[in-house]
Amino acid sequence: MGARQGRVNYDQWDTNNIQQATGLSPQQIQQLKQQFFNAAGRDGVISRNEFPNVYSSLYGGQGYISPDQIERIFRTFDRDNTGSISFDEFLNAMIMNNHNMPRQDRIGYVIRQNNPGRGDGRISAQYGHQVLRRLNDYYNLPPGTEHQCWKQLDRQNRGYVTEQEMMGYIRQQEGYSRRYR
């Protein structure tokens, strides 16, 4: 849930963790990757217009995904606002929409996976704002409240919070604990 620069590329992700987080087998992940890159072509990203076909095909016609839901998901995971989604952004969307994994585990995984300061357990103010903005997008909450949320989170004005503090805040927010409909 951050900009493309400074985050770990898909090839560096732990395959076992991806399987657990997406609920997909290694073969399914490989098929997904192939399907994504077939649609992406040379530039390695899929556009807003290509996204619905690739994303919807994952569900094999099981259940209807509304155009509004598709747009919300695309907007949330196009973290750098380029109008296109990379494979790692696409995987984040798959993880967040894996309802067989507890919501807090999904959110925590995506936050840790994309944290530019990975490893020290801290979330910078810049990354924290991005996370909160993307969660607001994902849960269809009012835009522009991430600054107010960050002030509630970083009461000591340190310029960072710990992952535990971030997850505690997210757990307490009613808007982040409901399933989007």
C-alpha atoms as a PDB file:
ATOM      1  CA  MET A   1       0.000   0.000   0.000  1.00  0.00           C
ATOM      2  CA  GLY A   2       2.729   2.428  -1.042  1.00  0.00           C
ATOM      3  CA  ALA A   3       4.339   3.842  -4.151  1.00  0.00           C
ATOM      4  CA  ARG A   4       6.227   1.487  -6.480  1.00  0.00           C
ATOM      5  CA  GLN A   5       9.619   2.959  -5.581  1.00  0.00           C
ATOM      6  CA  GLY A   6      11.172   1.593  -2.422  1.00  0.00           C
ATOM      7  CA  ARG A   7       9.077  -1.535  -2.049  1.00  0.00           C
ATOM      8  CA  VAL A   8       9.959  -5.147  -2.594  1.00  0.00           C
ATOM      9  CA  ASN A   9       9.245  -6.544  -6.058  1.00  0.00           C
ATOM     10  CA  TYR A  10       7.098  -9.668  -6.392  1.00  0.00           C
ATOM     11  CA  ASP A  11      10.139 -11.790  -7.291  1.00  0.00           C
ATOM     12  CA  GLN A  12      11.499 -11.111  -3.801  1.00  0.00           C
ATOM     13  CA  TRP A  13       8.298 -12.113  -1.967  1.00  0.00           C
ATOM     14  CA  ASP A  14       8.269 -15.347   0.016  1.00  0.00           C
ATOM     15  CA  THR A  15       6.367 -17.855  -2.131  1.00  0.00           C
ATOM     16  CA  ASN A  16       5.001 -19.770   0.866  1.00  0.00           C
ATOM     17  CA  ASN A  17       3.633 -16.563   2.362  1.00  0.00           C
ATOM     18  CA  ILE A  18       2.023 -15.622  -0.962  1.00  0.00           C
ATOM     19  CA  GLN A  19       0.292 -19.006  -1.107  1.00  0.00           C
ATOM     20  CA  GLN A  20      -1.047 -18.623   2.404  1.00  0.00           C
ATOM     21  CA  ALA A  21      -2.097 -14.996   1.912  1.00  0.00           C
ATOM     22  CA  THR A  22      -3.832 -15.507  -1.442  1.00  0.00           C
ATOM     23  CA  GLY A  23      -5.249 -18.953  -0.766  1.00  0.00           C
ATOM     24  CA  LEU A  24      -3.866 -20.063  -4.147  1.00  0.00           C
ATOM     25  CA  SER A  25      -1.691 -23.084  -4.882  1.00  0.00           C
ATOM     26  CA  PRO A  26       1.747 -22.629  -6.516  1.00  0.00           C
ATOM     27  CA  GLN A  27       0.235 -23.738  -9.828  1.00  0.00           C
ATOM     28  CA  GLN A  28      -2.611 -21.252  -9.519  1.00  0.00           C
ATOM     29  CA  ILE A  29      -0.174 -18.448  -8.696  1.00  0.00           C
ATOM     30  CA  GLN A  30       1.893 -19.351 -11.755  1.00  0.00           C
ATOM     31  CA  GLN A  31      -1.252 -19.397 -13.926  1.00  0.00           C
ATOM     32  CA  LEU A  32      -2.310 -16.061 -12.463  1.00  0.00           C
ATOM     33  CA  LYS A  33       1.105 -14.592 -13.194  1.00  0.00           C
ATOM     34  CA  GLN A  34       0.999 -15.915 -16.764  1.00  0.00           C
ATOM     35  CA  GLN A  35      -2.508 -14.584 -17.320  1.00  0.00           C
ATOM     36  CA  PHE A  36      -1.534 -11.211 -15.887  1.00  0.00           C
ATOM     37  CA  PHE A  37       1.557 -10.864 -18.078  1.00  0.00           C
ATOM     38  CA  ASN A  38      -0.314 -12.061 -21.174  1.00  0.00           C
ATOM     39  CA  ALA A  39      -2.776  -9.227 -20.629  1.00  0.00           C
ATOM     40  CA  ALA A  40      -0.037  -6.778 -19.644  1.00  0.00           C
ATOM     41  CA  GLY A  41       2.126  -7.166 -22.715  1.00  0.00           C
ATOM     42  CA  ARG A  42       5.526  -5.528 -22.997  1.00  0.00           C
ATOM     43  CA  ASP A  43       5.080  -2.867 -20.340  1.00  0.00           C
ATOM     44  CA  GLY A  44       4.357  -5.448 -17.612  1.00  0.00           C
ATOM     45  CA  VAL A  45       1.330  -3.601 -16.211  1.00  0.00           C
ATOM     46  CA  ILE A  46      -2.388  -3.785 -16.876  1.00  0.00           C
ATOM     47  CA  SER A  47      -4.472  -0.726 -17.529  1.00  0.00           C
ATOM     48  CA  ARG A  48      -7.735   0.298 -15.959  1.00  0.00           C
ATOM     49  CA  ASN A  49      -9.470  -1.118 -19.061  1.00  0.00           C
ATOM     50  CA  GLU A  50      -7.661  -4.486 -18.885  1.00  0.00           C
ATOM     51  CA  PHE A  51      -8.083  -4.923 -15.137  1.00  0.00           C
ATOM     52  CA  PRO A  52     -11.765  -6.013 -15.054  1.00  0.00           C
ATOM     53  CA  ASN A  53     -11.165  -8.918 -17.449  1.00  0.00           C
ATOM     54  CA  VAL A  54      -8.114 -10.244 -15.620  1.00  0.00           C
ATOM     55  CA  TYR A  55      -9.576  -9.734 -12.148  1.00  0.00           C
ATOM     56  CA  SER A  56     -13.026 -11.130 -12.991  1.00  0.00           C
ATOM     57  CA  SER A  57     -11.584 -14.213 -14.687  1.00  0.00           C
ATOM     58  CA  LEU A  58     -10.091 -15.271 -11.367  1.00  0.00           C
ATOM     59  CA  TYR A  59     -13.546 -15.917 -10.048  1.00  0.00           C
ATOM     60  CA  GLY A  60     -14.512 -18.155 -12.947  1.00  0.00           C
ATOM     61  CA  GLY A  61     -17.915 -16.575 -13.222  1.00  0.00           C
ATOM     62  CA  GLN A  62     -18.653 -17.351  -9.559  1.00  0.00           C
ATOM     63  CA  GLY A  63     -20.478 -14.401  -8.154  1.00  0.00           C
ATOM     64  CA  TYR A  64     -20.992 -11.016  -9.694  1.00  0.00           C
ATOM     65  CA  ILE A  65     -18.401  -8.294  -9.249  1.00  0.00           C
ATOM     66  CA  SER A  66     -19.980  -4.925  -9.889  1.00  0.00           C
ATOM     67  CA  PRO A  67     -18.244  -2.261 -11.965  1.00  0.00           C
ATOM     68  CA  ASP A  68     -18.170  -0.088  -8.829  1.00  0.00           C
ATOM     69  CA  GLN A  69     -16.327  -2.816  -6.909  1.00  0.00           C
ATOM     70  CA  ILE A  70     -13.867  -3.298  -9.766  1.00  0.00           C
ATOM     71  CA  GLU A  71     -13.206   0.466  -9.904  1.00  0.00           C
ATOM     72  CA  ARG A  72     -12.777   0.665  -6.118  1.00  0.00           C
ATOM     73  CA  ILE A  73     -10.319  -2.225  -6.120  1.00  0.00           C
ATOM     74  CA  PHE A  74      -8.351  -0.782  -9.034  1.00  0.00           C
ATOM     75  CA  ARG A  75      -8.180   2.686  -7.470  1.00  0.00           C
ATOM     76  CA  THR A  76      -7.054   1.228  -4.142  1.00  0.00           C
ATOM     77  CA  PHE A  77      -4.208  -0.832  -5.549  1.00  0.00           C
ATOM     78  CA  ASP A  78      -2.975   1.572  -8.216  1.00  0.00           C
ATOM     79  CA  ARG A  79      -0.815   2.990  -5.462  1.00  0.00           C
ATOM     80  CA  ASP A  80       1.197   5.355  -7.613  1.00  0.00           C
ATOM     81  CA  ASN A  81      -1.880   6.595  -9.516  1.00  0.00           C
ATOM     82  CA  THR A  82      -0.470   5.783 -12.948  1.00  0.00           C
ATOM     83  CA  GLY A  83      -3.688   4.300 -14.287  1.00  0.00           C
ATOM     84  CA  SER A  84      -2.030   0.891 -14.421  1.00  0.00           C
ATOM     85  CA  ILE A  85      -1.326  -1.952 -12.002  1.00  0.00           C
ATOM     86  CA  SER A  86       1.868  -3.966 -11.675  1.00  0.00           C
ATOM     87  CA  PHE A  87       1.851  -7.639 -10.756  1.00  0.00           C
ATOM     88  CA  ASP A  88       2.795  -6.951  -7.130  1.00  0.00           C
ATOM     89  CA  GLU A  89      -0.054  -4.417  -6.871  1.00  0.00           C
ATOM     90  CA  PHE A  90      -2.348  -7.050  -8.381  1.00  0.00           C
ATOM     91  CA  LEU A  91      -1.208  -9.607  -5.792  1.00  0.00           C
ATOM     92  CA  ASN A  92      -2.008  -7.125  -3.042  1.00  0.00           C
ATOM     93  CA  ALA A  93      -5.542  -6.878  -4.421  1.00  0.00           C
ATOM     94  CA  MET A  94      -5.781 -10.674  -4.438  1.00  0.00           C
ATOM     95  CA  ILE A  95      -4.614 -10.835  -0.828  1.00  0.00           C
ATOM     96  CA  MET A  96      -7.016  -8.166   0.388  1.00  0.00           C
ATOM     97  CA  ASN A  97      -9.882  -9.963  -1.328  1.00  0.00           C
ATOM     98  CA  ASN A  98      -9.032 -13.425   0.051  1.00  0.00           C
ATOM     99  CA  HIS A  99     -11.926 -13.686   2.487  1.00  0.00           C
ATOM    100  CA  ASN A 100     -10.680 -17.095   3.680  1.00  0.00           C
ATOM    101  CA  MET A 101      -7.941 -15.258   5.598  1.00  0.00           C
ATOM    102  CA  PRO A 102      -8.864 -13.089   8.610  1.00  0.00           C
ATOM    103  CA  ARG A 103      -9.177  -9.405   7.688  1.00  0.00           C
ATOM    104  CA  GLN A 104      -6.519  -8.229  10.148  1.00  0.00           C
ATOM    105  CA  ASP A 105      -4.062 -10.826   8.828  1.00  0.00           C
ATOM    106  CA  ARG A 106      -4.652  -9.625   5.251  1.00  0.00           C
ATOM    107  CA  ILE A 107      -4.218  -5.979   6.147  1.00  0.00           C
ATOM    108  CA  GLY A 108      -1.129  -6.679   8.251  1.00  0.00           C
ATOM    109  CA  TYR A 109       0.448  -8.784   5.517  1.00  0.00           C
ATOM    110  CA  VAL A 110      -0.058  -6.121   2.857  1.00  0.00           C
ATOM    111  CA  ILE A 111       1.255  -3.391   5.163  1.00  0.00           C
ATOM    112  CA  ARG A 112       4.393  -5.358   6.048  1.00  0.00           C
ATOM    113  CA  GLN A 113       5.005  -6.507   2.481  1.00  0.00           C
ATOM    114  CA  ASN A 114       4.959  -2.988   1.056  1.00  0.00           C
ATOM    115  CA  ASN A 115       6.611  -1.087   3.903  1.00  0.00           C
ATOM    116  CA  PRO A 116       9.680   0.696   2.517  1.00  0.00           C
ATOM    117  CA  GLY A 117      11.209   0.525   6.026  1.00  0.00           C
ATOM    118  CA  ARG A 118      10.712  -3.239   6.227  1.00  0.00           C
ATOM    119  CA  GLY A 119      12.423  -4.979   9.042  1.00  0.00           C
ATOM    120  CA  ASP A 120      12.538  -2.334  11.751  1.00  0.00           C
ATOM    121  CA  GLY A 121       8.831  -2.631  12.658  1.00  0.00           C
ATOM    122  CA  ARG A 122       8.205   1.067  12.079  1.00  0.00           C
ATOM    123  CA  ILE A 123       5.761   2.716   9.735  1.00  0.00           C
ATOM    124  CA  SER A 124       6.811   6.201   8.676  1.00  0.00           C
ATOM    125  CA  ALA A 125       4.341   9.072   8.537  1.00  0.00           C
ATOM    126  CA  GLN A 126       4.555   9.081   4.733  1.00  0.00           C
ATOM    127  CA  TYR A 127       3.852   5.365   4.429  1.00  0.00           C
ATOM    128  CA  GLY A 128       1.222   5.522   7.180  1.00  0.00           C
ATOM    129  CA  HIS A 129      -0.676   8.202   5.273  1.00  0.00           C
ATOM    130  CA  GLN A 130      -0.553   6.020   2.149  1.00  0.00           C
ATOM    131  CA  VAL A 131      -1.853   3.002   4.086  1.00  0.00           C
ATOM    132  CA  LEU A 132      -4.703   4.965   5.624  1.00  0.00           C
ATOM    133  CA  ARG A 133      -5.626   6.563   2.280  1.00  0.00           C
ATOM    134  CA  ARG A 134      -5.682   3.140   0.580  1.00  0.00           C
ATOM    135  CA  LEU A 135      -7.708   1.576   3.391  1.00  0.00           C
ATOM    136  CA  ASN A 136     -10.192   4.444   3.086  1.00  0.00           C
ATOM    137  CA  ASP A 137     -10.377   3.799  -0.663  1.00  0.00           C
ATOM    138  CA  TYR A 138     -10.768   0.057  -0.145  1.00  0.00           C
ATOM    139  CA  TYR A 139     -13.514   0.418   2.462  1.00  0.00           C
ATOM    140  CA  ASN A 140     -15.144   3.286   0.571  1.00  0.00           C
ATOM    141  CA  LEU A 141     -14.668   5.729   3.446  1.00  0.00           C
ATOM    142  CA  PRO A 142     -14.489   9.511   3.000  1.00  0.00           C
ATOM    143  CA  PRO A 143     -11.281  10.622   1.287  1.00  0.00           C
ATOM    144  CA  GLY A 144      -8.897  13.047   2.905  1.00  0.00           C
ATOM    145  CA  THR A 145      -9.219  11.817   6.492  1.00  0.00           C
ATOM    146  CA  GLU A 146      -5.841  10.067   6.578  1.00  0.00           C
ATOM    147  CA  HIS A 147      -4.109  13.119   8.129  1.00  0.00           C
ATOM    148  CA  GLN A 148      -6.603  13.225  10.992  1.00  0.00           C
ATOM    149  CA  CYS A 149      -6.253   9.458  11.466  1.00  0.00           C
ATOM    150  CA  TRP A 150      -2.450   9.747  11.515  1.00  0.00           C
ATOM    151  CA  LYS A 151      -2.629  12.423  14.224  1.00  0.00           C
ATOM    152  CA  GLN A 152      -4.700  10.011  16.329  1.00  0.00           C
ATOM    153  CA  LEU A 153      -2.147   7.283  15.701  1.00  0.00           C
ATOM    154  CA  ASP A 154       1.057   9.268  16.258  1.00  0.00           C
ATOM    155  CA  ARG A 155      -0.022  11.177  19.360  1.00  0.00           C
ATOM    156  CA  GLN A 156       3.617  11.596  20.421  1.00  0.00           C
ATOM    157  CA  ASN A 157       4.442  13.205  17.061  1.00  0.00           C
ATOM    158  CA  ARG A 158       7.418  10.885  16.498  1.00  0.00           C
ATOM    159  CA  GLY A 159       6.950  10.751  12.721  1.00  0.00           C
ATOM    160  CA  TYR A 160       6.412   6.989  12.858  1.00  0.00           C
ATOM    161  CA  VAL A 161       4.356   4.329  14.587  1.00  0.00           C
ATOM    162  CA  THR A 162       5.070   0.676  15.168  1.00  0.00           C
ATOM    163  CA  GLU A 163       3.309  -2.009  13.165  1.00  0.00           C
ATOM    164  CA  GLN A 164       1.561  -3.046  16.384  1.00  0.00           C
ATOM    165  CA  GLU A 165       0.280   0.497  16.932  1.00  0.00           C
ATOM    166  CA  MET A 166      -0.949   0.696  13.340  1.00  0.00           C
ATOM    167  CA  MET A 167      -2.735  -2.654  13.557  1.00  0.00           C
ATOM    168  CA  GLY A 168      -4.237  -1.740  16.945  1.00  0.00           C
ATOM    169  CA  TYR A 169      -5.625   1.454  15.458  1.00  0.00           C
ATOM    170  CA  ILE A 170      -7.027  -0.375  12.424  1.00  0.00           C
ATOM    171  CA  ARG A 171      -8.690  -2.993  14.660  1.00  0.00           C
ATOM    172  CA  GLN A 172     -10.419  -0.247  16.641  1.00  0.00           C
ATOM    173  CA  GLN A 173     -11.827   1.554  13.607  1.00  0.00           C
ATOM    174  CA  GLU A 174     -15.329   0.376  12.795  1.00  0.00           C
ATOM    175  CA  GLY A 175     -15.002   1.403   9.145  1.00  0.00           C
ATOM    176  CA  TYR A 176     -12.056  -0.970   8.654  1.00  0.00           C
ATOM    177  CA  SER A 177     -13.723  -3.901  10.373  1.00  0.00           C
ATOM    178  CA  ARG A 178     -16.732  -4.285   8.105  1.00  0.00           C
ATOM    179  CA  ARG A 179     -16.804  -6.143   4.844  1.00  0.00           C
ATOM    180  CA  TYR A 180     -17.269  -3.914   1.850  1.00  0.00           C
ATOM    181  CA  ARG A 181     -20.518  -4.567   0.005  1.00  0.00           C
END
